[in-house]
Full PDB file with SEQRES, HELIX, SHEET, SSBOND, CRYST1, ORIGX, SCALE, CONECT and MASTER records, all heavy atoms in Angstrom:
SEQRES   1 A   39  GLN ALA GLY GLY SER LEU ARG LEU SER CYS ALA ALA SER          
SEQRES   2 A   39  GLY ARG THR PHE SER GLY TYR LYS MET GLY TRP PHE ARG          
SEQRES   3 A   39  GLN ALA PRO GLY LYS GLU ARG GLU PHE VAL ALA ALA ILE          
HELIX    1 AA1 PHE A   17  GLY A   19  5                                   3    
SHEET    1 AA1 2 GLY A  23  ARG A  26  0                                        
SHEET    2 AA1 2 GLU A  34  ALA A  38 -1                                        
CRYST1    1.000    1.000    1.000  90.00  90.00  90.00 P 1           1          
ORIGX1      1.000000  0.000000  0.000000        0.00000                         
ORIGX2      0.000000  1.000000  0.000000        0.00000                         
ORIGX3      0.000000  0.000000  1.000000        0.00000                         
SCALE1      1.000000  0.000000  0.000000        0.00000                         
SCALE2      0.000000  1.000000  0.000000        0.00000                         
SCALE3      0.000000  0.000000  1.000000        0.00000                         
ATOM      1  N   GLN A   1     105.861 119.781 110.467  1.00  0.00           N  
ATOM      2  CA  GLN A   1     106.239 118.869 111.552  1.00  0.00           C  
ATOM      3  C   GLN A   1     105.048 118.027 111.989  1.00  0.00           C  
ATOM      4  O   GLN A   1     103.888 118.436 111.832  1.00  0.00           O  
ATOM      5  CB  GLN A   1     106.769 119.663 112.743  1.00  0.00           C  
ATOM      6  CG  GLN A   1     108.139 120.297 112.512  1.00  0.00           C  
ATOM      7  CD  GLN A   1     108.714 120.902 113.773  1.00  0.00           C  
ATOM      8  OE1 GLN A   1     107.972 121.280 114.680  1.00  0.00           O  
ATOM      9  NE2 GLN A   1     110.021 121.000 113.842  1.00  0.00           N  
ATOM     10  N   ALA A   2     105.345 116.890 112.546  1.00  0.00           N  
ATOM     11  CA  ALA A   2     104.290 116.030 113.065  1.00  0.00           C  
ATOM     12  C   ALA A   2     103.442 116.805 114.067  1.00  0.00           C  
ATOM     13  O   ALA A   2     103.961 117.558 114.889  1.00  0.00           O  
ATOM     14  CB  ALA A   2     104.902 114.803 113.724  1.00  0.00           C  
ATOM     15  N   GLY A   3     102.143 116.611 113.972  1.00  0.00           N  
ATOM     16  CA  GLY A   3     101.215 117.332 114.823  1.00  0.00           C  
ATOM     17  C   GLY A   3     100.704 118.618 114.202  1.00  0.00           C  
ATOM     18  O   GLY A   3      99.752 119.220 114.720  1.00  0.00           O  
ATOM     19  N   GLY A   4     101.322 119.024 113.104  1.00  0.00           N  
ATOM     20  CA  GLY A   4     100.928 120.258 112.444  1.00  0.00           C  
ATOM     21  C   GLY A   4      99.763 120.084 111.499  1.00  0.00           C  
ATOM     22  O   GLY A   4      99.159 118.997 111.408  1.00  0.00           O  
ATOM     23  N   SER A   5      99.465 121.162 110.783  1.00  0.00           N  
ATOM     24  CA  SER A   5      98.321 121.186 109.877  1.00  0.00           C  
ATOM     25  C   SER A   5      98.721 121.760 108.524  1.00  0.00           C  
ATOM     26  O   SER A   5      99.659 122.549 108.418  1.00  0.00           O  
ATOM     27  CB  SER A   5      97.194 122.050 110.453  1.00  0.00           C  
ATOM     28  OG  SER A   5      96.723 121.532 111.675  1.00  0.00           O  
ATOM     29  N   LEU A   6      97.989 121.337 107.509  1.00  0.00           N  
ATOM     30  CA  LEU A   6      98.106 121.903 106.172  1.00  0.00           C  
ATOM     31  C   LEU A   6      96.727 121.932 105.543  1.00  0.00           C  
ATOM     32  O   LEU A   6      95.871 121.092 105.881  1.00  0.00           O  
ATOM     33  CB  LEU A   6      99.026 121.065 105.285  1.00  0.00           C  
ATOM     34  CG  LEU A   6     100.537 121.264 105.372  1.00  0.00           C  
ATOM     35  CD1 LEU A   6     101.233 120.262 104.461  1.00  0.00           C  
ATOM     36  CD2 LEU A   6     100.940 122.673 105.017  1.00  0.00           C  
ATOM     37  N   ARG A   7      96.536 122.869 104.640  1.00  0.00           N  
ATOM     38  CA  ARG A   7      95.286 122.929 103.884  1.00  0.00           C  
ATOM     39  C   ARG A   7      95.616 122.864 102.397  1.00  0.00           C  
ATOM     40  O   ARG A   7      96.270 123.766 101.872  1.00  0.00           O  
ATOM     41  CB  ARG A   7      94.522 124.209 104.183  1.00  0.00           C  
ATOM     42  CG  ARG A   7      93.109 124.218 103.615  1.00  0.00           C  
ATOM     43  CD  ARG A   7      92.500 125.602 103.725  1.00  0.00           C  
ATOM     44  NE  ARG A   7      91.051 125.583 103.577  1.00  0.00           N  
ATOM     45  CZ  ARG A   7      90.324 126.661 103.269  1.00  0.00           C  
ATOM     46  NH1 ARG A   7      90.912 127.833 103.099  1.00  0.00           N  
ATOM     47  NH2 ARG A   7      89.021 126.568 103.163  1.00  0.00           N  
ATOM     48  N   LEU A   8      95.168 121.815 101.773  1.00  0.00           N  
ATOM     49  CA  LEU A   8      95.360 121.653 100.341  1.00  0.00           C  
ATOM     50  C   LEU A   8      94.186 122.247  99.584  1.00  0.00           C  
ATOM     51  O   LEU A   8      93.040 122.183 100.043  1.00  0.00           O  
ATOM     52  CB  LEU A   8      95.499 120.182  99.975  1.00  0.00           C  
ATOM     53  CG  LEU A   8      96.586 119.393 100.701  1.00  0.00           C  
ATOM     54  CD1 LEU A   8      96.638 117.965 100.163  1.00  0.00           C  
ATOM     55  CD2 LEU A   8      97.924 120.069 100.603  1.00  0.00           C  
ATOM     56  N   SER A   9      94.489 122.792  98.422  1.00  0.00           N  
ATOM     57  CA  SER A   9      93.458 123.331  97.545  1.00  0.00           C  
ATOM     58  C   SER A   9      93.520 122.650  96.191  1.00  0.00           C  
ATOM     59  O   SER A   9      94.581 122.207  95.754  1.00  0.00           O  
ATOM     60  CB  SER A   9      93.639 124.842  97.350  1.00  0.00           C  
ATOM     61  OG  SER A   9      93.559 125.533  98.567  1.00  0.00           O  
ATOM     62  N   CYS A  10      92.382 122.591  95.549  1.00  0.00           N  
ATOM     63  CA  CYS A  10      92.301 122.057  94.189  1.00  0.00           C  
ATOM     64  C   CYS A  10      91.423 123.013  93.394  1.00  0.00           C  
ATOM     65  O   CYS A  10      90.215 123.114  93.658  1.00  0.00           O  
ATOM     66  CB  CYS A  10      91.720 120.659  94.202  1.00  0.00           C  
ATOM     67  SG  CYS A  10      91.422 119.958  92.549  1.00  0.00           S  
ATOM     68  N   ALA A  11      92.027 123.706  92.443  1.00  0.00           N  
ATOM     69  CA  ALA A  11      91.294 124.646  91.599  1.00  0.00           C  
ATOM     70  C   ALA A  11      90.838 123.938  90.336  1.00  0.00           C  
ATOM     71  O   ALA A  11      91.634 123.291  89.649  1.00  0.00           O  
ATOM     72  CB  ALA A  11      92.180 125.835  91.247  1.00  0.00           C  
ATOM     73  N   ALA A  12      89.562 124.070  90.039  1.00  0.00           N  
ATOM     74  CA  ALA A  12      88.977 123.397  88.883  1.00  0.00           C  
ATOM     75  C   ALA A  12      88.603 124.402  87.817  1.00  0.00           C  
ATOM     76  O   ALA A  12      88.190 125.526  88.104  1.00  0.00           O  
ATOM     77  CB  ALA A  12      87.749 122.606  89.306  1.00  0.00           C  
ATOM     78  N   SER A  13      88.742 123.996  86.578  1.00  0.00           N  
ATOM     79  CA  SER A  13      88.325 124.834  85.446  1.00  0.00           C  
ATOM     80  C   SER A  13      87.793 123.928  84.346  1.00  0.00           C  
ATOM     81  O   SER A  13      88.104 122.744  84.289  1.00  0.00           O  
ATOM     82  CB  SER A  13      89.490 125.664  84.921  1.00  0.00           C  
ATOM     83  OG  SER A  13      90.545 124.841  84.470  1.00  0.00           O  
ATOM     84  N   GLY A  14      86.974 124.534  83.480  1.00  0.00           N  
ATOM     85  CA  GLY A  14      86.392 123.760  82.401  1.00  0.00           C  
ATOM     86  C   GLY A  14      84.904 123.586  82.613  1.00  0.00           C  
ATOM     87  O   GLY A  14      84.184 124.556  82.782  1.00  0.00           O  
ATOM     88  N   ARG A  15      84.478 122.354  82.677  1.00  0.00           N  
ATOM     89  CA  ARG A  15      83.066 122.049  82.816  1.00  0.00           C  
ATOM     90  C   ARG A  15      82.555 122.482  84.187  1.00  0.00           C  
ATOM     91  O   ARG A  15      83.332 122.635  85.127  1.00  0.00           O  
ATOM     92  CB  ARG A  15      82.871 120.543  82.624  1.00  0.00           C  
ATOM     93  CG  ARG A  15      81.519 120.128  82.081  1.00  0.00           C  
ATOM     94  CD  ARG A  15      81.532 118.629  81.738  1.00  0.00           C  
ATOM     95  NE  ARG A  15      80.242 118.175  81.261  1.00  0.00           N  
ATOM     96  CZ  ARG A  15      79.966 116.906  80.960  1.00  0.00           C  
ATOM     97  NH1 ARG A  15      80.914 115.973  81.082  1.00  0.00           N  
ATOM     98  NH2 ARG A  15      78.763 116.583  80.532  1.00  0.00           N  
ATOM     99  N   THR A  16      81.244 122.640  84.325  1.00  0.00           N  
ATOM    100  CA  THR A  16      80.622 123.140  85.548  1.00  0.00           C  
ATOM    101  C   THR A  16      81.052 122.330  86.770  1.00  0.00           C  
ATOM    102  O   THR A  16      80.773 121.134  86.869  1.00  0.00           O  
ATOM    103  CB  THR A  16      79.096 123.101  85.418  1.00  0.00           C  
ATOM    104  OG1 THR A  16      78.709 123.835  84.260  1.00  0.00           O  
ATOM    105  CG2 THR A  16      78.449 123.707  86.653  1.00  0.00           C  
ATOM    106  N   PHE A  17      81.721 122.997  87.714  1.00  0.00           N  
ATOM    107  CA  PHE A  17      82.305 122.316  88.870  1.00  0.00           C  
ATOM    108  C   PHE A  17      81.263 121.599  89.690  1.00  0.00           C  
ATOM    109  O   PHE A  17      81.489 120.493  90.189  1.00  0.00           O  
ATOM    110  CB  PHE A  17      83.064 123.341  89.704  1.00  0.00           C  
ATOM    111  CG  PHE A  17      83.782 122.766  90.889  1.00  0.00           C  
ATOM    112  CD1 PHE A  17      84.761 121.798  90.731  1.00  0.00           C  
ATOM    113  CD2 PHE A  17      83.488 123.196  92.176  1.00  0.00           C  
ATOM    114  CE1 PHE A  17      85.434 121.265  91.818  1.00  0.00           C  
ATOM    115  CE2 PHE A  17      84.149 122.679  93.272  1.00  0.00           C  
ATOM    116  CZ  PHE A  17      85.122 121.707  93.089  1.00  0.00           C  
ATOM    117  N   SER A  18      80.105 122.195  89.848  1.00  0.00           N  
ATOM    118  CA  SER A  18      79.067 121.586  90.686  1.00  0.00           C  
ATOM    119  C   SER A  18      78.510 120.298  90.095  1.00  0.00           C  
ATOM    120  O   SER A  18      77.777 119.576  90.754  1.00  0.00           O  
ATOM    121  CB  SER A  18      77.926 122.575  90.928  1.00  0.00           C  
ATOM    122  OG  SER A  18      77.324 122.939  89.696  1.00  0.00           O  
ATOM    123  N   GLY A  19      78.862 120.010  88.869  1.00  0.00           N  
ATOM    124  CA  GLY A  19      78.426 118.762  88.256  1.00  0.00           C  
ATOM    125  C   GLY A  19      79.295 117.577  88.613  1.00  0.00           C  
ATOM    126  O   GLY A  19      78.976 116.443  88.232  1.00  0.00           O  
ATOM    127  N   TYR A  20      80.362 117.813  89.363  1.00  0.00           N  
ATOM    128  CA  TYR A  20      81.332 116.770  89.659  1.00  0.00           C  
ATOM    129  C   TYR A  20      81.297 116.354  91.125  1.00  0.00           C  
ATOM    130  O   TYR A  20      81.259 117.212  92.020  1.00  0.00           O  
ATOM    131  CB  TYR A  20      82.750 117.237  89.349  1.00  0.00           C  
ATOM    132  CG  TYR A  20      83.057 117.319  87.874  1.00  0.00           C  
ATOM    133  CD1 TYR A  20      82.831 118.501  87.177  1.00  0.00           C  
ATOM    134  CD2 TYR A  20      83.569 116.228  87.184  1.00  0.00           C  
ATOM    135  CE1 TYR A  20      83.106 118.586  85.822  1.00  0.00           C  
ATOM    136  CE2 TYR A  20      83.858 116.301  85.837  1.00  0.00           C  
ATOM    137  CZ  TYR A  20      83.627 117.484  85.156  1.00  0.00           C  
ATOM    138  OH  TYR A  20      83.909 117.563  83.824  1.00  0.00           O  
ATOM    139  N   LYS A  21      81.348 115.071  91.356  1.00  0.00           N  
ATOM    140  CA  LYS A  21      81.717 114.557  92.663  1.00  0.00           C  
ATOM    141  C   LYS A  21      83.241 114.609  92.722  1.00  0.00           C  
ATOM    142  O   LYS A  21      83.917 114.338  91.729  1.00  0.00           O  
ATOM    143  CB  LYS A  21      81.201 113.135  92.841  1.00  0.00           C  
ATOM    144  CG  LYS A  21      79.683 113.056  92.796  1.00  0.00           C  
ATOM    145  CD  LYS A  21      79.197 111.619  92.758  1.00  0.00           C  
ATOM    146  CE  LYS A  21      77.672 111.588  92.624  1.00  0.00           C  
ATOM    147  NZ  LYS A  21      77.159 110.219  92.457  1.00  0.00           N  
ATOM    148  N   MET A  22      83.787 114.929  93.893  1.00  0.00           N  
ATOM    149  CA  MET A  22      85.211 115.170  94.015  1.00  0.00           C  
ATOM    150  C   MET A  22      85.828 114.289  95.089  1.00  0.00           C  
ATOM    151  O   MET A  22      85.159 113.885  96.053  1.00  0.00           O  
ATOM    152  CB  MET A  22      85.464 116.639  94.373  1.00  0.00           C  
ATOM    153  CG  MET A  22      84.949 117.641  93.355  1.00  0.00           C  
ATOM    154  SD  MET A  22      85.780 117.509  91.762  1.00  0.00           S  
ATOM    155  CE  MET A  22      87.456 117.947  92.231  1.00  0.00           C  
ATOM    156  N   GLY A  23      87.114 114.056  94.916  1.00  0.00           N  
ATOM    157  CA  GLY A  23      87.805 113.243  95.912  1.00  0.00           C  
ATOM    158  C   GLY A  23      89.264 113.640  96.043  1.00  0.00           C  
ATOM    159  O   GLY A  23      89.809 114.379  95.210  1.00  0.00           O  
ATOM    160  N   TRP A  24      89.866 113.168  97.122  1.00  0.00           N  
ATOM    161  CA  TRP A  24      91.309 113.285  97.349  1.00  0.00           C  
ATOM    162  C   TRP A  24      91.887 111.879  97.489  1.00  0.00           C  
ATOM    163  O   TRP A  24      91.307 111.028  98.180  1.00  0.00           O  
ATOM    164  CB  TRP A  24      91.605 114.083  98.614  1.00  0.00           C  
ATOM    165  CG  TRP A  24      91.386 115.553  98.509  1.00  0.00           C  
ATOM    166  CD1 TRP A  24      90.286 116.251  98.926  1.00  0.00           C  
ATOM    167  CD2 TRP A  24      92.284 116.524  97.959  1.00  0.00           C  
ATOM    168  NE1 TRP A  24      90.451 117.590  98.666  1.00  0.00           N  
ATOM    169  CE2 TRP A  24      91.670 117.781  98.075  1.00  0.00           C  
ATOM    170  CE3 TRP A  24      93.553 116.456  97.386  1.00  0.00           C  
ATOM    171  CZ2 TRP A  24      92.268 118.970  97.637  1.00  0.00           C  
ATOM    172  CZ3 TRP A  24      94.153 117.628  96.941  1.00  0.00           C  
ATOM    173  CH2 TRP A  24      93.516 118.863  97.072  1.00  0.00           C  
ATOM    174  N   PHE A  25      93.019 111.685  96.865  1.00  0.00           N  
ATOM    175  CA  PHE A  25      93.785 110.457  96.991  1.00  0.00           C  
ATOM    176  C   PHE A  25      95.216 110.834  97.347  1.00  0.00           C  
ATOM    177  O   PHE A  25      95.617 112.004  97.206  1.00  0.00           O  
ATOM    178  CB  PHE A  25      93.773 109.669  95.671  1.00  0.00           C  
ATOM    179  CG  PHE A  25      92.478 108.970  95.379  1.00  0.00           C  
ATOM    180  CD1 PHE A  25      91.347 109.692  95.011  1.00  0.00           C  
ATOM    181  CD2 PHE A  25      92.360 107.595  95.478  1.00  0.00           C  
ATOM    182  CE1 PHE A  25      90.139 109.056  94.745  1.00  0.00           C  
ATOM    183  CE2 PHE A  25      91.163 106.945  95.215  1.00  0.00           C  
ATOM    184  CZ  PHE A  25      90.056 107.678  94.847  1.00  0.00           C  
ATOM    185  N   ARG A  26      95.988 109.858  97.772  1.00  0.00           N  
ATOM    186  CA  ARG A  26      97.405 110.120  98.039  1.00  0.00           C  
ATOM    187  C   ARG A  26      98.235 108.901  97.659  1.00  0.00           C  
ATOM    188  O   ARG A  26      97.738 107.775  97.643  1.00  0.00           O  
ATOM    189  CB  ARG A  26      97.627 110.477  99.506  1.00  0.00           C  
ATOM    190  CG  ARG A  26      97.349 109.347 100.488  1.00  0.00           C  
ATOM    191  CD  ARG A  26      97.461 109.871 101.922  1.00  0.00           C  
ATOM    192  NE  ARG A  26      97.239 108.807 102.896  1.00  0.00           N  
ATOM    193  CZ  ARG A  26      97.186 109.015 104.213  1.00  0.00           C  
ATOM    194  NH1 ARG A  26      97.342 110.246 104.704  1.00  0.00           N  
ATOM    195  NH2 ARG A  26      96.995 108.000 105.040  1.00  0.00           N  
ATOM    196  N   GLN A  27      99.491 109.159  97.366  1.00  0.00           N  
ATOM    197  CA  GLN A  27     100.411 108.084  96.999  1.00  0.00           C  
ATOM    198  C   GLN A  27     101.752 108.321  97.670  1.00  0.00           C  
ATOM    199  O   GLN A  27     102.433 109.311  97.398  1.00  0.00           O  
ATOM    200  CB  GLN A  27     100.584 108.013  95.484  1.00  0.00           C  
ATOM    201  CG  GLN A  27     101.381 106.811  95.021  1.00  0.00           C  
ATOM    202  CD  GLN A  27     101.257 106.585  93.527  1.00  0.00           C  
ATOM    203  OE1 GLN A  27     100.845 107.452  92.768  1.00  0.00           O  
ATOM    204  NE2 GLN A  27     101.591 105.381  93.087  1.00  0.00           N  
ATOM    205  N   ALA A  28     102.108 107.418  98.555  1.00  0.00           N  
ATOM    206  CA  ALA A  28     103.388 107.455  99.240  1.00  0.00           C  
ATOM    207  C   ALA A  28     104.428 106.721  98.396  1.00  0.00           C  
ATOM    208  O   ALA A  28     104.075 105.870  97.573  1.00  0.00           O  
ATOM    209  CB  ALA A  28     103.268 106.818 100.613  1.00  0.00           C  
ATOM    210  N   PRO A  29     105.706 107.026  98.596  1.00  0.00           N  
ATOM    211  CA  PRO A  29     106.752 106.365  97.810  1.00  0.00           C  
ATOM    212  C   PRO A  29     106.673 104.845  97.924  1.00  0.00           C  
ATOM    213  O   PRO A  29     106.580 104.305  99.032  1.00  0.00           O  
ATOM    214  CB  PRO A  29     108.038 106.898  98.435  1.00  0.00           C  
ATOM    215  CG  PRO A  29     107.665 108.210  99.007  1.00  0.00           C  
ATOM    216  CD  PRO A  29     106.255 108.054  99.492  1.00  0.00           C  
ATOM    217  N   GLY A  30     106.684 104.170  96.795  1.00  0.00           N  
ATOM    218  CA  GLY A  30     106.655 102.721  96.788  1.00  0.00           C  
ATOM    219  C   GLY A  30     105.308 102.103  97.070  1.00  0.00           C  
ATOM    220  O   GLY A  30     105.200 100.871  97.178  1.00  0.00           O  
ATOM    221  N   LYS A  31     104.275 102.924  97.203  1.00  0.00           N  
ATOM    222  CA  LYS A  31     102.944 102.399  97.518  1.00  0.00           C  
ATOM    223  C   LYS A  31     101.952 102.787  96.440  1.00  0.00           C  
ATOM    224  O   LYS A  31     102.184 103.693  95.641  1.00  0.00           O  
ATOM    225  CB  LYS A  31     102.480 102.920  98.880  1.00  0.00           C  
ATOM    226  CG  LYS A  31     103.324 102.442 100.045  1.00  0.00           C  
ATOM    227  CD  LYS A  31     102.709 102.849 101.372  1.00  0.00           C  
ATOM    228  CE  LYS A  31     103.500 102.303 102.546  1.00  0.00           C  
ATOM    229  NZ  LYS A  31     102.885 102.674 103.852  1.00  0.00           N  
ATOM    230  N   GLU A  32     100.828 102.097  96.435  1.00  0.00           N  
ATOM    231  CA  GLU A  32      99.780 102.416  95.478  1.00  0.00           C  
ATOM    232  C   GLU A  32      99.015 103.668  95.924  1.00  0.00           C  
ATOM    233  O   GLU A  32      98.968 103.994  97.110  1.00  0.00           O  
ATOM    234  CB  GLU A  32      98.822 101.230  95.352  1.00  0.00           C  
ATOM    235  CG  GLU A  32      99.460  99.993  94.744  1.00  0.00           C  
ATOM    236  CD  GLU A  32      98.445  98.885  94.513  1.00  0.00           C  
ATOM    237  OE1 GLU A  32      97.307  99.008  94.990  1.00  0.00           O  
ATOM    238  OE2 GLU A  32      98.803  97.900  93.850  1.00  0.00           O  
ATOM    239  N   ARG A  33      98.410 104.313  94.957  1.00  0.00           N  
ATOM    240  CA  ARG A  33      97.577 105.466  95.272  1.00  0.00           C  
ATOM    241  C   ARG A  33      96.350 104.995  96.058  1.00  0.00           C  
ATOM    242  O   ARG A  33      95.716 103.999  95.698  1.00  0.00           O  
ATOM    243  CB  ARG A  33      97.146 106.167  93.985  1.00  0.00           C  
ATOM    244  CG  ARG A  33      96.576 107.547  94.185  1.00  0.00           C  
ATOM    245  CD  ARG A  33      96.365 108.265  92.866  1.00  0.00           C  
ATOM    246  NE  ARG A  33      97.615 108.439  92.131  1.00  0.00           N  
ATOM    247  CZ  ARG A  33      97.727 109.181  91.021  1.00  0.00           C  
ATOM    248  NH1 ARG A  33      96.661 109.807  90.547  1.00  0.00           N  
ATOM    249  NH2 ARG A  33      98.878 109.269  90.402  1.00  0.00           N  
ATOM    250  N   GLU A  34      96.040 105.721  97.130  1.00  0.00           N  
ATOM    251  CA  GLU A  34      94.945 105.296  97.989  1.00  0.00           C  
ATOM    252  C   GLU A  34      93.953 106.418  98.229  1.00  0.00           C  
ATOM    253  O   GLU A  34      94.291 107.600  98.200  1.00  0.00           O  
ATOM    254  CB  GLU A  34      95.488 104.801  99.335  1.00  0.00           C  
ATOM    255  CG  GLU A  34      96.152 105.856 100.172  1.00  0.00           C  
ATOM    256  CD  GLU A  34      96.569 105.343 101.547  1.00  0.00           C  
ATOM    257  OE1 GLU A  34      96.464 104.137 101.820  1.00  0.00           O  
ATOM    258  OE2 GLU A  34      96.993 106.186 102.365  1.00  0.00           O  
ATOM    259  N   PHE A  35      92.732 106.003  98.500  1.00  0.00           N  
ATOM    260  CA  PHE A  35      91.645 106.923  98.767  1.00  0.00           C  
ATOM    261  C   PHE A  35      91.850 107.647 100.088  1.00  0.00           C  
ATOM    262  O   PHE A  35      92.281 107.051 101.079  1.00  0.00           O  
ATOM    263  CB  PHE A  35      90.334 106.145  98.802  1.00  0.00           C  
ATOM    264  CG  PHE A  35      89.153 106.921  99.308  1.00  0.00           C  
ATOM    265  CD1 PHE A  35      88.527 107.861  98.500  1.00  0.00           C  
ATOM    266  CD2 PHE A  35      88.663 106.709 100.583  1.00  0.00           C  
ATOM    267  CE1 PHE A  35      87.434 108.569  98.967  1.00  0.00           C  
ATOM    268  CE2 PHE A  35      87.576 107.404 101.052  1.00  0.00           C  
ATOM    269  CZ  PHE A  35      86.964 108.339 100.253  1.00  0.00           C  
ATOM    270  N   VAL A  36      91.512 108.942 100.107  1.00  0.00           N  
ATOM    271  CA  VAL A  36      91.565 109.739 101.331  1.00  0.00           C  
ATOM    272  C   VAL A  36      90.171 110.226 101.721  1.00  0.00           C  
ATOM    273  O   VAL A  36      89.716 110.008 102.844  1.00  0.00           O  
ATOM    274  CB  VAL A  36      92.513 110.937 101.162  1.00  0.00           C  
ATOM    275  CG1 VAL A  36      92.458 111.845 102.385  1.00  0.00           C  
ATOM    276  CG2 VAL A  36      93.941 110.471 100.900  1.00  0.00           C  
ATOM    277  N   ALA A  37      89.490 110.912 100.796  1.00  0.00           N  
ATOM    278  CA  ALA A  37      88.188 111.486 101.111  1.00  0.00           C  
ATOM    279  C   ALA A  37      87.429 111.791  99.828  1.00  0.00           C  
ATOM    280  O   ALA A  37      88.030 111.945  98.767  1.00  0.00           O  
ATOM    281  CB  ALA A  37      88.348 112.757 101.933  1.00  0.00           C  
ATOM    282  N   ALA A  38      86.111 111.883  99.950  1.00  0.00           N  
ATOM    283  CA  ALA A  38      85.272 112.238  98.810  1.00  0.00           C  
ATOM    284  C   ALA A  38      84.119 113.114  99.282  1.00  0.00           C  
ATOM    285  O   ALA A  38      83.732 113.068 100.460  1.00  0.00           O  
ATOM    286  CB  ALA A  38      84.743 110.992  98.109  1.00  0.00           C  
ATOM    287  N   ILE A  39      83.580 113.896  98.359  1.00  0.00           N  
ATOM    288  CA  ILE A  39      82.487 114.808  98.698  1.00  0.00           C  
ATOM    289  C   ILE A  39      81.505 114.864  97.544  1.00  0.00           C  
ATOM    290  O   ILE A  39      81.890 114.803  96.364  1.00  0.00           O  
ATOM    291  CB  ILE A  39      83.062 116.208  99.024  1.00  0.00           C  
ATOM    292  CG1 ILE A  39      81.983 117.135  99.582  1.00  0.00           C  
ATOM    293  CG2 ILE A  39      83.740 116.832  97.803  1.00  0.00           C  
ATOM    294  CD1 ILE A  39      82.559 118.406 100.218  1.00  0.00           C  
TER     295      ILE A  39                                                      
MASTER        0    0    0    1    2    0    0    6  294    1    0    3          
END                                                                             
């Protein structure tokens, strides 16, 4: 519901995870994928 919270996870495998810069994007229906956050 609006006002609530969620925690998304992204599990990585393969090459050394610490070697990667990471980001989150999102895509709403009918819209282009957009940047959310990076670390």
